[in-house]
N, C-alpha and C. Protein backbone atom coordinates (compact mmCIF):
# COMPACT_ATOMS: atom_id res chain seq x y z
N UNK A 1 -11.34 -17.16 32.46
CA UNK A 1 -11.67 -17.83 31.27
C UNK A 1 -10.37 -17.50 30.30
N UNK A 2 -10.14 -16.30 30.25
CA UNK A 2 -8.75 -16.00 29.65
C UNK A 2 -7.56 -16.41 29.99
N UNK A 3 -7.59 -16.87 31.27
CA UNK A 3 -6.17 -17.29 31.81
C UNK A 3 -6.11 -18.85 31.36
N UNK A 4 -7.34 -19.59 31.50
CA UNK A 4 -7.40 -20.98 30.60
C UNK A 4 -7.02 -20.95 29.31
N UNK A 5 -7.36 -19.96 28.40
CA UNK A 5 -7.16 -19.89 27.05
C UNK A 5 -5.54 -19.60 26.74
N UNK A 6 -5.06 -18.80 27.59
CA UNK A 6 -3.73 -18.49 27.40
C UNK A 6 -2.69 -19.76 27.75
N UNK A 7 -3.12 -20.25 28.93
CA UNK A 7 -2.22 -21.47 29.38
C UNK A 7 -2.53 -22.60 28.20
N UNK A 8 -3.67 -22.90 27.57
CA UNK A 8 -3.76 -23.74 26.37
C UNK A 8 -3.08 -23.43 25.32
N UNK A 9 -2.81 -22.32 24.88
CA UNK A 9 -2.08 -21.94 23.59
C UNK A 9 -0.70 -22.06 24.05
N UNK A 10 -0.04 -21.59 24.99
CA UNK A 10 1.13 -21.44 25.49
C UNK A 10 1.55 -23.34 25.48
N UNK A 11 0.90 -23.67 26.13
CA UNK A 11 1.18 -25.32 26.30
C UNK A 11 1.28 -25.92 24.92
N UNK A 12 0.23 -25.64 24.07
CA UNK A 12 0.24 -26.22 22.86
C UNK A 12 1.42 -25.95 21.97
N UNK A 13 1.58 -24.46 22.05
CA UNK A 13 2.95 -24.27 21.30
C UNK A 13 4.02 -24.66 21.49
N UNK A 14 4.24 -24.49 22.90
CA UNK A 14 5.75 -24.98 23.63
C UNK A 14 5.63 -26.49 23.44
N UNK A 15 4.55 -27.25 23.51
CA UNK A 15 4.81 -28.82 23.29
C UNK A 15 5.15 -29.10 21.79
N UNK A 16 4.77 -28.56 21.03
CA UNK A 16 4.75 -28.29 19.53
C UNK A 16 6.48 -28.19 19.11
N UNK A 17 6.66 -27.24 19.64
CA UNK A 17 8.09 -26.81 19.43
C UNK A 17 9.20 -27.95 20.07
N UNK A 18 8.87 -28.09 21.55
CA UNK A 18 9.71 -29.36 21.80
C UNK A 18 9.82 -30.24 21.26
N UNK A 19 8.61 -30.82 20.80
CA UNK A 19 8.68 -32.16 20.01
C UNK A 19 9.55 -32.20 18.53
N UNK A 20 9.22 -30.97 18.01
CA UNK A 20 10.15 -30.52 16.74
C UNK A 20 11.67 -30.36 16.74
N UNK A 21 11.95 -29.68 18.02
CA UNK A 21 13.18 -30.15 18.36
C UNK A 21 13.69 -31.43 18.82
N UNK A 22 13.03 -32.00 19.47
CA UNK A 22 13.63 -33.37 19.96
C UNK A 22 13.56 -34.31 18.86
N UNK A 23 12.89 -34.50 17.69
CA UNK A 23 12.83 -35.48 16.53
C UNK A 23 13.43 -34.68 15.42
N UNK A 24 13.95 -33.57 15.78
CA UNK A 24 14.68 -32.79 14.28
C UNK A 24 13.90 -32.51 13.28
N UNK A 25 12.53 -32.27 13.35
CA UNK A 25 11.64 -31.77 12.36
C UNK A 25 11.61 -30.49 11.94
N UNK A 26 11.34 -30.39 10.63
CA UNK A 26 11.31 -29.12 10.09
C UNK A 26 10.06 -28.76 10.00
N UNK A 27 9.35 -27.62 10.61
CA UNK A 27 7.94 -27.34 10.60
C UNK A 27 7.57 -26.85 9.02
N UNK A 28 6.40 -27.51 8.70
CA UNK A 28 5.74 -27.01 7.28
C UNK A 28 5.84 -25.76 6.96
N UNK A 29 5.82 -24.76 7.98
CA UNK A 29 6.13 -23.42 7.46
C UNK A 29 7.33 -23.07 6.88
N UNK A 30 8.32 -23.87 7.18
CA UNK A 30 9.50 -23.45 6.54
C UNK A 30 10.12 -24.52 5.46
N UNK A 31 8.84 -25.13 4.89
CA UNK A 31 9.24 -25.84 3.79
C UNK A 31 9.32 -24.79 2.36
N UNK A 32 10.38 -25.12 1.77
CA UNK A 32 10.33 -24.19 0.88
C UNK A 32 9.09 -24.40 -0.52
N UNK A 33 8.65 -25.39 -0.46
CA UNK A 33 7.79 -25.63 -1.65
C UNK A 33 6.29 -24.77 -1.30
N UNK A 34 6.11 -24.55 0.23
CA UNK A 34 4.87 -23.96 0.45
C UNK A 34 5.08 -22.21 0.69
N UNK A 35 6.37 -21.62 0.17
CA UNK A 35 6.37 -20.18 0.30
C UNK A 35 6.06 -19.62 -0.98
N UNK A 36 5.35 -18.67 -1.03
CA UNK A 36 4.89 -18.26 -2.43
C UNK A 36 6.23 -17.42 -3.12
N UNK A 37 6.94 -16.82 -2.22
CA UNK A 37 8.09 -16.24 -3.19
C UNK A 37 8.91 -17.08 -3.56
N UNK A 38 9.11 -18.31 -3.01
CA UNK A 38 10.32 -19.41 -3.40
C UNK A 38 9.45 -20.18 -4.82
N UNK A 39 8.42 -20.33 -4.61
CA UNK A 39 7.53 -20.81 -5.91
C UNK A 39 7.93 -19.88 -6.99
N UNK A 40 7.45 -18.40 -6.82
CA UNK A 40 7.64 -17.67 -8.03
C UNK A 40 9.01 -17.10 -8.48
N UNK A 41 10.15 -17.88 -7.47
CA UNK A 41 11.21 -17.61 -8.07
C UNK A 41 12.22 -16.29 -7.38
N UNK A 42 11.36 -15.58 -6.65
CA UNK A 42 11.54 -14.42 -6.03
C UNK A 42 12.95 -14.29 -5.02
N UNK A 43 13.68 -13.54 -4.71
CA UNK A 43 14.62 -13.93 -3.86
C UNK A 43 14.14 -13.17 -2.28
N UNK A 44 14.39 -13.75 -1.10
CA UNK A 44 13.92 -13.53 -0.15
C UNK A 44 13.75 -12.14 0.34
N UNK A 45 14.69 -11.30 -0.01
CA UNK A 45 14.79 -9.77 0.28
C UNK A 45 13.34 -9.04 -0.31
N UNK A 46 12.90 -9.70 -1.50
CA UNK A 46 11.93 -8.82 -2.27
C UNK A 46 10.56 -9.55 -1.44
N UNK A 47 10.39 -10.79 -0.97
CA UNK A 47 9.35 -11.10 -0.35
C UNK A 47 9.05 -10.36 1.22
N UNK A 48 10.12 -10.40 1.51
CA UNK A 48 10.10 -9.67 3.09
C UNK A 48 9.92 -8.08 2.87
N UNK A 49 10.44 -7.67 2.10
CA UNK A 49 9.89 -6.15 1.82
C UNK A 49 8.38 -5.99 1.61
N UNK A 50 7.97 -7.07 0.43
CA UNK A 50 6.44 -6.93 -0.10
C UNK A 50 5.56 -7.21 1.16
N UNK A 51 6.10 -8.08 2.13
CA UNK A 51 5.25 -8.20 3.34
C UNK A 51 5.15 -7.15 4.14
N UNK A 52 6.31 -6.66 4.48
CA UNK A 52 6.24 -5.35 5.13
C UNK A 52 5.54 -4.24 4.71
N UNK A 53 5.43 -4.17 3.46
CA UNK A 53 4.91 -2.97 2.87
C UNK A 53 3.26 -3.20 2.79
N UNK A 54 2.78 -4.52 2.75
CA UNK A 54 1.18 -4.89 2.71
C UNK A 54 0.95 -4.66 4.09
N UNK A 55 1.59 -5.03 5.08
CA UNK A 55 1.42 -4.86 6.57
C UNK A 55 1.33 -3.59 6.96
N UNK A 56 2.14 -2.64 6.44
CA UNK A 56 2.32 -1.13 6.84
C UNK A 56 0.93 -0.49 6.13
N UNK A 57 0.49 -1.18 4.88
CA UNK A 57 -0.61 -0.53 4.22
C UNK A 57 -1.76 -0.80 4.64
N UNK A 58 -2.29 -2.06 5.25
CA UNK A 58 -3.55 -2.40 5.57
C UNK A 58 -3.71 -2.14 6.68
N UNK A 59 -2.79 -1.99 7.96
CA UNK A 59 -3.36 -1.38 9.09
C UNK A 59 -3.52 -0.02 9.16
N UNK A 60 -3.00 1.01 8.37
CA UNK A 60 -3.67 2.37 8.34
C UNK A 60 -5.02 2.38 7.61
N UNK A 61 -5.04 1.65 6.43
CA UNK A 61 -6.37 1.47 5.82
C UNK A 61 -7.66 0.94 6.61
N UNK A 62 -7.12 -0.01 7.41
CA UNK A 62 -8.25 -0.50 8.55
C UNK A 62 -8.57 0.29 9.13
N UNK A 63 -7.55 1.11 9.91
CA UNK A 63 -7.97 2.45 10.71
C UNK A 63 -9.01 3.47 10.19
N UNK A 64 -8.40 3.87 8.73
CA UNK A 64 -9.24 4.88 7.95
C UNK A 64 -10.69 4.11 7.82
N UNK A 65 -10.70 3.15 7.50
CA UNK A 65 -12.14 2.36 7.25
C UNK A 65 -13.18 2.14 8.20
N UNK A 66 -12.16 2.16 9.53
CA UNK A 66 -13.13 1.88 10.87
C UNK A 66 -13.12 0.52 10.75
N UNK A 67 -12.45 -0.68 10.30
CA UNK A 67 -12.67 -2.04 10.31
C UNK A 67 -12.10 -2.23 11.64
N UNK A 68 -12.91 -3.45 12.44
CA UNK A 68 -12.80 -3.96 13.79
C UNK A 68 -12.99 -5.29 13.58
N UNK A 69 -12.16 -6.10 14.47
CA UNK A 69 -12.73 -7.71 14.87
C UNK A 69 -14.16 -7.66 15.56
N UNK A 70 -14.70 -8.53 15.42
CA UNK A 70 -15.99 -8.72 16.46
C UNK A 70 -15.48 -8.84 17.79
N UNK A 71 -16.32 -8.11 18.53
CA UNK A 71 -16.04 -8.41 20.30
C UNK A 71 -17.11 -9.31 20.73
N UNK A 72 -16.59 -10.14 21.52
CA UNK A 72 -17.30 -11.23 22.45
C UNK A 72 -18.18 -10.48 23.68
N UNK A 73 -19.51 -10.51 23.33
CA UNK A 73 -20.34 -9.65 24.64
C UNK A 73 -21.19 -11.25 25.08
N UNK A 74 -21.01 -10.64 26.60
CA UNK A 74 -21.94 -11.75 27.46
C UNK A 74 -23.35 -10.98 27.75
N UNK A 75 -24.18 -11.77 27.96
CA UNK A 75 -25.78 -11.31 28.40
C UNK A 75 -25.65 -10.84 29.71
N UNK A 76 -26.28 -9.58 30.10
CA UNK A 76 -26.28 -9.05 31.19
C UNK A 76 -26.78 -9.63 32.23
N UNK A 77 -28.02 -10.58 31.89
CA UNK A 77 -28.60 -11.34 33.09
C UNK A 77 -27.87 -12.51 33.42
N UNK A 78 -26.72 -12.76 32.62
CA UNK A 78 -25.83 -13.85 33.09
C UNK A 78 -25.20 -13.99 34.05
N UNK A 79 -25.11 -14.81 35.32
CA UNK A 79 -24.40 -14.87 36.65
C UNK A 79 -22.94 -14.98 36.54
N UNK A 80 -22.43 -13.94 36.97
CA UNK A 80 -20.84 -14.11 36.63
C UNK A 80 -20.15 -15.41 37.34
N UNK A 81 -20.61 -15.70 38.17
CA UNK A 81 -19.99 -16.96 38.93
C UNK A 81 -21.15 -18.02 39.21
N UNK A 82 -20.99 -19.01 38.40
CA UNK A 82 -21.87 -20.12 38.36
C UNK A 82 -22.15 -20.64 39.50
N UNK A 83 -20.87 -20.74 40.33
CA UNK A 83 -20.81 -21.47 41.55
C UNK A 83 -21.46 -21.00 42.63
N UNK A 84 -22.29 -19.76 42.59
CA UNK A 84 -22.78 -19.13 43.81
C UNK A 84 -24.22 -19.32 43.87
N UNK A 85 -24.54 -20.45 42.86
CA UNK A 85 -26.03 -20.97 43.04
C UNK A 85 -26.21 -22.15 44.05
């Protein structure tokens, strides 16, 4: 199941990149109007450093507070191979 999910994500991402390259489109992520630093008139160095600082502060804070993402659990009674019936 995980392999299928990875394959789907890779195929979708690669397909999107190839499409952007072939038609010469700039992805919306790179539009200057959508970037907070640009809209506030800040230089890219300041916004880059702010992003680094935020990431380096959030990660230790999450470890200290014990934050975790939810885990996927499967019921114990479920048959791992549905084709075996």
